[in-house]
Each structure stands twice: as structure tokens, then as C-alpha cells.
Amino acid sequence: MGYSAMAMNNAVTFQGQLQQVAVANVGKVLDNINNSSVHEAVAINKMATGNDLASVITALSAAMSSNQQGVKTAQTTPPVT
């Protein structure tokens, strides 16, 4: 067997080993996702995005309140002449 044939054989073998590692890691990730609780999911979301659900709801409420005030002002303000 020549050098190029050995190199090709090594490359194919290494690619197969990498595929096995990738499949095992995907399996572990899916297992972690399927077995995580709601509390863990919220904690992971907070760590990954920095968004806390309570602060997001507060920001949305403030935006809606501001919008409602603008609409009420527009309804009661006489037109400019």
C-alpha cells in the first residue's frame, strides 16, 4: 500500500470517528433539552440573553401605558387652527 493510499485510509477513518463523536454529542444535547425542567429553562434563558421575564413584562406594560396616554391626548386635544 502506497503513502497516498494510507493517507486516504487515515482520513476516512478519522472522518468516521468525528462522525461518531458528533452523533454522541447531539444525543447528549437532546437528552439535556428533553429532561430539563421549566426552572432550568428559565435560568438558562436568563444567563444566555440577560432577559428576565418580569423585566420584559414591565417594559411592555410601560410601552402600552405610554401609547394609551398618547391616544387619550389625541382624542381630547382640539385641532390646531
C-alpha atoms as a PDB file:
ATOM      1  CA  MET A   1       0.000   0.000   0.000  1.00  0.00           C
ATOM      2  CA  GLY A   2       1.441   3.363  -1.038  1.00  0.00           C
ATOM      3  CA  TYR A   3       1.695   6.504   1.013  1.00  0.00           C
ATOM      4  CA  SER A   4      -1.283   8.224  -0.643  1.00  0.00           C
ATOM      5  CA  ALA A   5      -3.491   5.175  -0.075  1.00  0.00           C
ATOM      6  CA  MET A   6      -2.520   5.121   3.614  1.00  0.00           C
ATOM      7  CA  ALA A   7      -3.221   8.837   3.907  1.00  0.00           C
ATOM      8  CA  MET A   8      -6.637   8.391   2.324  1.00  0.00           C
ATOM      9  CA  ASN A   9      -7.421   5.464   4.621  1.00  0.00           C
ATOM     10  CA  ASN A  10      -6.389   7.513   7.680  1.00  0.00           C
ATOM     11  CA  ALA A  11      -8.524  10.454   6.544  1.00  0.00           C
ATOM     12  CA  VAL A  12     -11.589   8.255   6.037  1.00  0.00           C
ATOM     13  CA  THR A  13     -11.087   6.574   9.415  1.00  0.00           C
ATOM     14  CA  PHE A  14     -10.680   9.935  11.163  1.00  0.00           C
ATOM     15  CA  GLN A  15     -13.826  11.270   9.474  1.00  0.00           C
ATOM     16  CA  GLY A  16     -15.769   8.256  10.759  1.00  0.00           C
ATOM     17  CA  GLN A  17     -14.502   8.848  14.289  1.00  0.00           C
ATOM     18  CA  LEU A  18     -15.525  12.507  14.119  1.00  0.00           C
ATOM     19  CA  GLN A  19     -18.987  11.476  12.961  1.00  0.00           C
ATOM     20  CA  GLN A  20     -19.355   9.144  15.951  1.00  0.00           C
ATOM     21  CA  VAL A  21     -18.343  11.946  18.341  1.00  0.00           C
ATOM     22  CA  ALA A  22     -20.792  14.357  16.685  1.00  0.00           C
ATOM     23  CA  VAL A  23     -23.680  11.899  16.939  1.00  0.00           C
ATOM     24  CA  ALA A  24     -22.907  11.214  20.610  1.00  0.00           C
ATOM     25  CA  ASN A  25     -22.795  14.946  21.407  1.00  0.00           C
ATOM     26  CA  VAL A  26     -26.073  15.656  19.618  1.00  0.00           C
ATOM     27  CA  GLY A  27     -27.647  12.838  21.602  1.00  0.00           C
ATOM     28  CA  LYS A  28     -26.431  14.331  24.877  1.00  0.00           C
ATOM     29  CA  VAL A  29     -27.735  17.787  23.956  1.00  0.00           C
ATOM     30  CA  LEU A  30     -31.152  16.428  23.012  1.00  0.00           C
ATOM     31  CA  ASP A  31     -31.282  14.393  26.205  1.00  0.00           C
ATOM     32  CA  ASN A  32     -30.492  17.511  28.274  1.00  0.00           C
ATOM     33  CA  ILE A  33     -33.179  19.507  26.476  1.00  0.00           C
ATOM     34  CA  ASN A  34     -35.815  16.799  26.935  1.00  0.00           C
ATOM     35  CA  ASN A  35     -35.023  16.293  30.620  1.00  0.00           C
ATOM     36  CA  SER A  36     -34.717  19.921  31.712  1.00  0.00           C
ATOM     37  CA  SER A  37     -37.324  21.490  33.984  1.00  0.00           C
ATOM     38  CA  VAL A  38     -39.079  24.805  33.497  1.00  0.00           C
ATOM     39  CA  HIS A  39     -36.921  26.372  36.212  1.00  0.00           C
ATOM     40  CA  GLU A  40     -33.750  25.265  34.446  1.00  0.00           C
ATOM     41  CA  ALA A  41     -35.034  26.575  31.117  1.00  0.00           C
ATOM     42  CA  VAL A  42     -35.806  29.999  32.612  1.00  0.00           C
ATOM     43  CA  ALA A  43     -32.385  30.133  34.287  1.00  0.00           C
ATOM     44  CA  ILE A  44     -30.634  29.206  31.034  1.00  0.00           C
ATOM     45  CA  ASN A  45     -32.611  31.862  29.176  1.00  0.00           C
ATOM     46  CA  LYS A  46     -31.647  34.493  31.759  1.00  0.00           C
ATOM     47  CA  MET A  47     -27.976  33.559  31.515  1.00  0.00           C
ATOM     48  CA  ALA A  48     -27.933  33.380  27.719  1.00  0.00           C
ATOM     49  CA  THR A  49     -29.912  36.534  26.915  1.00  0.00           C
ATOM     50  CA  GLY A  50     -29.867  38.620  30.071  1.00  0.00           C
ATOM     51  CA  ASN A  51     -33.639  38.966  29.765  1.00  0.00           C
ATOM     52  CA  ASP A  52     -35.698  38.369  32.854  1.00  0.00           C
ATOM     53  CA  LEU A  53     -39.360  37.638  32.155  1.00  0.00           C
ATOM     54  CA  ALA A  54     -40.536  40.111  34.803  1.00  0.00           C
ATOM     55  CA  SER A  55     -38.448  42.951  33.347  1.00  0.00           C
ATOM     56  CA  VAL A  56     -39.710  42.185  29.830  1.00  0.00           C
ATOM     57  CA  ILE A  57     -43.332  42.292  31.030  1.00  0.00           C
ATOM     58  CA  THR A  58     -42.646  45.561  32.877  1.00  0.00           C
ATOM     59  CA  ALA A  59     -41.118  47.134  29.765  1.00  0.00           C
ATOM     60  CA  LEU A  60     -44.067  46.033  27.624  1.00  0.00           C
ATOM     61  CA  SER A  61     -46.553  47.374  30.170  1.00  0.00           C
ATOM     62  CA  ALA A  62     -44.771  50.723  30.254  1.00  0.00           C
ATOM     63  CA  ALA A  63     -44.803  50.931  26.461  1.00  0.00           C
ATOM     64  CA  MET A  64     -48.527  50.126  26.330  1.00  0.00           C
ATOM     65  CA  SER A  65     -49.292  52.662  29.047  1.00  0.00           C
ATOM     66  CA  SER A  66     -47.366  55.356  27.199  1.00  0.00           C
ATOM     67  CA  ASN A  67     -49.204  54.536  23.999  1.00  0.00           C
ATOM     68  CA  GLN A  68     -52.589  54.726  25.764  1.00  0.00           C
ATOM     69  CA  GLN A  69     -51.734  58.164  27.152  1.00  0.00           C
ATOM     70  CA  GLY A  70     -50.828  59.359  23.658  1.00  0.00           C
ATOM     71  CA  VAL A  71     -54.122  58.106  22.260  1.00  0.00           C
ATOM     72  CA  LYS A  72     -56.136  59.766  25.052  1.00  0.00           C
ATOM     73  CA  THR A  73     -54.327  63.052  24.443  1.00  0.00           C
ATOM     74  CA  ALA A  74     -55.057  62.845  20.741  1.00  0.00           C
ATOM     75  CA  GLN A  75     -58.759  62.255  21.397  1.00  0.00           C
ATOM     76  CA  THR A  76     -59.237  65.253  23.708  1.00  0.00           C
ATOM     77  CA  THR A  77     -56.944  67.820  22.108  1.00  0.00           C
ATOM     78  CA  PRO A  78     -58.718  70.270  19.822  1.00  0.00           C
ATOM     79  CA  PRO A  79     -57.287  70.578  16.322  1.00  0.00           C
ATOM     80  CA  VAL A  80     -54.734  73.280  15.689  1.00  0.00           C
ATOM     81  CA  THR A  81     -56.280  76.185  13.724  1.00  0.00           C
END
